[in-house]
N, C-alpha and C. Protein backbone atom coordinates (compact mmCIF):
# COMPACT_ATOMS: atom_id res chain seq x y z
N UNK A 1 5.57 31.73 -16.77
CA UNK A 1 5.87 31.60 -15.37
C UNK A 1 5.93 30.12 -14.96
N UNK A 2 5.02 29.32 -15.50
CA UNK A 2 5.00 27.90 -15.15
C UNK A 2 6.27 27.20 -15.61
N UNK A 3 6.79 27.62 -16.76
CA UNK A 3 8.02 27.02 -17.27
C UNK A 3 9.19 27.31 -16.34
N UNK A 4 9.26 28.50 -15.81
CA UNK A 4 10.34 28.85 -14.89
C UNK A 4 10.26 28.00 -13.63
N UNK A 5 9.07 27.82 -13.10
CA UNK A 5 8.89 26.99 -11.91
C UNK A 5 9.26 25.54 -12.22
N UNK A 6 8.81 25.04 -13.36
CA UNK A 6 9.12 23.66 -13.76
C UNK A 6 10.62 23.47 -13.93
N UNK A 7 11.30 24.41 -14.60
CA UNK A 7 12.75 24.32 -14.80
C UNK A 7 13.50 24.38 -13.47
N UNK A 8 13.03 25.21 -12.57
CA UNK A 8 13.67 25.32 -11.25
C UNK A 8 13.56 24.01 -10.49
N UNK A 9 12.36 23.42 -10.48
CA UNK A 9 12.17 22.14 -9.79
C UNK A 9 13.00 21.04 -10.44
N UNK A 10 12.98 20.99 -11.74
CA UNK A 10 13.74 19.96 -12.48
C UNK A 10 15.24 20.10 -12.20
N UNK A 11 15.73 21.32 -12.23
CA UNK A 11 17.16 21.56 -11.95
C UNK A 11 17.51 21.16 -10.53
N UNK A 12 16.63 21.50 -9.59
CA UNK A 12 16.87 21.14 -8.20
C UNK A 12 16.99 19.62 -8.04
N UNK A 13 16.03 18.87 -8.59
CA UNK A 13 16.05 17.40 -8.44
C UNK A 13 17.24 16.77 -9.16
N UNK A 14 17.60 17.31 -10.32
CA UNK A 14 18.77 16.78 -11.02
C UNK A 14 20.06 17.03 -10.25
N UNK A 15 20.21 18.22 -9.70
CA UNK A 15 21.41 18.53 -8.92
C UNK A 15 21.44 17.73 -7.61
N UNK A 16 20.29 17.58 -7.00
CA UNK A 16 20.23 16.80 -5.76
C UNK A 16 20.63 15.35 -6.02
N UNK A 17 20.13 14.77 -7.09
CA UNK A 17 20.47 13.39 -7.42
C UNK A 17 21.95 13.27 -7.81
N UNK A 18 22.49 14.27 -8.45
CA UNK A 18 23.90 14.23 -8.84
C UNK A 18 24.83 14.28 -7.63
N UNK A 19 24.56 15.21 -6.70
CA UNK A 19 25.44 15.37 -5.55
C UNK A 19 25.14 14.40 -4.41
N UNK A 20 23.89 13.97 -4.30
CA UNK A 20 23.49 13.04 -3.24
C UNK A 20 22.73 11.88 -3.87
N UNK A 21 23.45 10.97 -4.53
CA UNK A 21 22.75 9.87 -5.24
C UNK A 21 22.04 8.93 -4.25
N UNK A 22 20.94 8.39 -4.72
CA UNK A 22 20.17 7.44 -3.92
C UNK A 22 20.85 6.08 -4.01
N UNK A 23 21.07 5.48 -2.87
CA UNK A 23 21.75 4.18 -2.82
C UNK A 23 20.85 3.11 -3.46
N UNK A 24 21.47 2.21 -4.22
CA UNK A 24 20.74 1.14 -4.89
C UNK A 24 21.09 -0.20 -4.25
N UNK A 25 20.14 -1.11 -4.26
CA UNK A 25 20.40 -2.46 -3.77
C UNK A 25 21.25 -3.22 -4.77
N UNK A 26 22.07 -4.16 -4.29
CA UNK A 26 22.87 -4.99 -5.20
C UNK A 26 21.99 -5.83 -6.12
N UNK A 27 22.55 -6.22 -7.27
CA UNK A 27 21.78 -6.97 -8.27
C UNK A 27 21.25 -8.30 -7.75
N UNK A 28 22.03 -9.01 -6.94
CA UNK A 28 21.56 -10.31 -6.47
C UNK A 28 20.36 -10.17 -5.53
N UNK A 29 20.32 -9.09 -4.75
CA UNK A 29 19.16 -8.86 -3.89
C UNK A 29 17.96 -8.48 -4.74
N UNK A 30 18.17 -7.68 -5.79
CA UNK A 30 17.05 -7.30 -6.67
C UNK A 30 16.48 -8.53 -7.37
N UNK A 31 17.34 -9.43 -7.85
CA UNK A 31 16.85 -10.66 -8.50
C UNK A 31 16.06 -11.51 -7.52
N UNK A 32 16.52 -11.58 -6.28
CA UNK A 32 15.80 -12.36 -5.27
C UNK A 32 14.44 -11.74 -4.97
N UNK A 33 14.37 -10.43 -4.91
CA UNK A 33 13.09 -9.74 -4.67
C UNK A 33 12.13 -9.99 -5.82
N UNK A 34 12.61 -9.87 -7.06
CA UNK A 34 11.76 -10.09 -8.23
C UNK A 34 11.25 -11.53 -8.27
N UNK A 35 12.11 -12.46 -7.95
CA UNK A 35 11.71 -13.87 -7.95
C UNK A 35 10.66 -14.14 -6.86
N UNK A 36 10.88 -13.57 -5.69
CA UNK A 36 9.93 -13.76 -4.59
C UNK A 36 8.58 -13.12 -4.91
N UNK A 37 8.60 -11.94 -5.51
CA UNK A 37 7.34 -11.28 -5.90
C UNK A 37 6.60 -12.11 -6.94
N UNK A 38 7.34 -12.67 -7.90
CA UNK A 38 6.71 -13.51 -8.92
C UNK A 38 6.06 -14.72 -8.28
N UNK A 39 6.76 -15.35 -7.35
CA UNK A 39 6.22 -16.54 -6.69
C UNK A 39 4.97 -16.21 -5.88
N UNK A 40 4.97 -15.09 -5.18
CA UNK A 40 3.81 -14.70 -4.38
C UNK A 40 2.61 -14.46 -5.27
N UNK A 41 2.78 -13.71 -6.34
CA UNK A 41 1.67 -13.40 -7.24
C UNK A 41 1.19 -14.66 -7.95
N UNK A 42 2.10 -15.53 -8.36
CA UNK A 42 1.72 -16.75 -9.05
C UNK A 42 0.92 -17.67 -8.13
N UNK A 43 1.34 -17.81 -6.87
CA UNK A 43 0.61 -18.65 -5.93
C UNK A 43 -0.77 -18.08 -5.64
N UNK A 44 -0.85 -16.75 -5.54
CA UNK A 44 -2.13 -16.11 -5.25
C UNK A 44 -3.10 -16.26 -6.41
N UNK A 45 -2.62 -16.09 -7.63
CA UNK A 45 -3.49 -16.09 -8.80
C UNK A 45 -3.65 -17.46 -9.44
N UNK A 46 -3.03 -18.46 -8.90
CA UNK A 46 -3.08 -19.79 -9.49
C UNK A 46 -4.48 -20.38 -9.40
N UNK A 47 -5.30 -19.86 -8.54
CA UNK A 47 -6.62 -20.44 -8.31
C UNK A 47 -7.60 -20.22 -9.46
N UNK A 48 -7.16 -19.72 -10.58
CA UNK A 48 -8.05 -19.60 -11.73
C UNK A 48 -8.02 -18.24 -12.40
N UNK A 49 -7.50 -17.25 -11.74
CA UNK A 49 -7.43 -15.92 -12.35
C UNK A 49 -6.10 -15.77 -13.08
N UNK A 50 -6.06 -14.83 -13.99
CA UNK A 50 -4.80 -14.53 -14.66
C UNK A 50 -3.92 -13.71 -13.73
N UNK A 51 -2.62 -13.79 -13.97
CA UNK A 51 -1.72 -12.98 -13.16
C UNK A 51 -1.91 -11.52 -13.52
N UNK A 52 -1.96 -10.70 -12.50
CA UNK A 52 -2.19 -9.27 -12.69
C UNK A 52 -0.86 -8.53 -12.50
N UNK A 53 -0.46 -7.78 -13.49
CA UNK A 53 0.81 -7.06 -13.43
C UNK A 53 0.80 -6.01 -12.32
N UNK A 54 -0.34 -5.42 -12.06
CA UNK A 54 -0.43 -4.42 -10.99
C UNK A 54 -0.16 -5.08 -9.64
N UNK A 55 -0.67 -6.30 -9.43
CA UNK A 55 -0.38 -7.02 -8.19
C UNK A 55 1.11 -7.29 -8.07
N UNK A 56 1.73 -7.67 -9.16
CA UNK A 56 3.17 -7.94 -9.15
C UNK A 56 3.95 -6.70 -8.74
N UNK A 57 3.62 -5.56 -9.34
CA UNK A 57 4.34 -4.34 -9.01
C UNK A 57 4.08 -3.90 -7.57
N UNK A 58 2.88 -4.13 -7.08
CA UNK A 58 2.56 -3.79 -5.70
C UNK A 58 3.39 -4.63 -4.72
N UNK A 59 3.44 -5.93 -4.96
CA UNK A 59 4.24 -6.83 -4.11
C UNK A 59 5.72 -6.49 -4.25
N UNK A 60 6.17 -6.22 -5.47
CA UNK A 60 7.56 -5.88 -5.71
C UNK A 60 7.96 -4.62 -4.94
N UNK A 61 7.12 -3.61 -4.97
CA UNK A 61 7.41 -2.36 -4.25
C UNK A 61 7.47 -2.59 -2.74
N UNK A 62 6.56 -3.39 -2.23
CA UNK A 62 6.54 -3.68 -0.80
C UNK A 62 7.80 -4.43 -0.38
N UNK A 63 8.16 -5.46 -1.13
CA UNK A 63 9.37 -6.23 -0.82
C UNK A 63 10.63 -5.38 -0.98
N UNK A 64 10.64 -4.52 -1.99
CA UNK A 64 11.80 -3.65 -2.21
C UNK A 64 12.01 -2.73 -1.02
N UNK A 65 10.93 -2.11 -0.54
CA UNK A 65 11.06 -1.20 0.60
C UNK A 65 11.56 -1.94 1.84
N UNK A 66 11.03 -3.14 2.06
CA UNK A 66 11.43 -3.92 3.22
C UNK A 66 12.91 -4.30 3.14
N UNK A 67 13.35 -4.80 1.99
CA UNK A 67 14.75 -5.21 1.83
C UNK A 67 15.68 -4.00 1.85
N UNK A 68 15.23 -2.86 1.31
CA UNK A 68 16.05 -1.65 1.30
C UNK A 68 16.36 -1.21 2.73
N UNK A 69 15.33 -1.15 3.55
CA UNK A 69 15.52 -0.76 4.95
C UNK A 69 16.40 -1.77 5.67
N UNK A 70 16.13 -3.05 5.44
CA UNK A 70 16.90 -4.10 6.10
C UNK A 70 18.38 -4.05 5.67
N UNK A 71 18.64 -3.92 4.39
CA UNK A 71 20.01 -3.94 3.88
C UNK A 71 20.81 -2.75 4.40
N UNK A 72 20.24 -1.55 4.33
CA UNK A 72 21.00 -0.37 4.70
C UNK A 72 21.04 -0.14 6.20
N UNK A 73 20.10 -0.71 6.96
CA UNK A 73 20.21 -0.63 8.41
C UNK A 73 21.31 -1.57 8.90
N UNK A 74 21.50 -2.71 8.21
CA UNK A 74 22.60 -3.61 8.56
C UNK A 74 23.94 -2.98 8.25
N UNK A 75 24.02 -2.24 7.17
CA UNK A 75 25.30 -1.61 6.80
C UNK A 75 25.67 -0.49 7.76
N UNK A 76 24.67 0.18 8.31
CA UNK A 76 24.97 1.25 9.27
C UNK A 76 25.56 0.69 10.56
N UNK A 77 25.14 -0.51 10.92
CA UNK A 77 25.65 -1.13 12.14
C UNK A 77 27.11 -1.52 12.00
N UNK A 78 27.54 -1.80 10.77
CA UNK A 78 28.92 -2.24 10.56
C UNK A 78 29.90 -1.13 10.63
């Protein structure tokens, strides 16, 4: 029974992504976000601690969400 439920959910998400793909940010914006996240984490951890990859991913996710909303809200206005 669990396999049927799992297959149903998996099929649903695959079909949803196929017919309604999630919009992606352009590569130049992604590079800028990654660079900014690296700079933020490096400045924060420069005081003697090692850079923490979890901090980098946390900052990256936050910046990504902010830029995603900003980019696609600007496109809706056009």
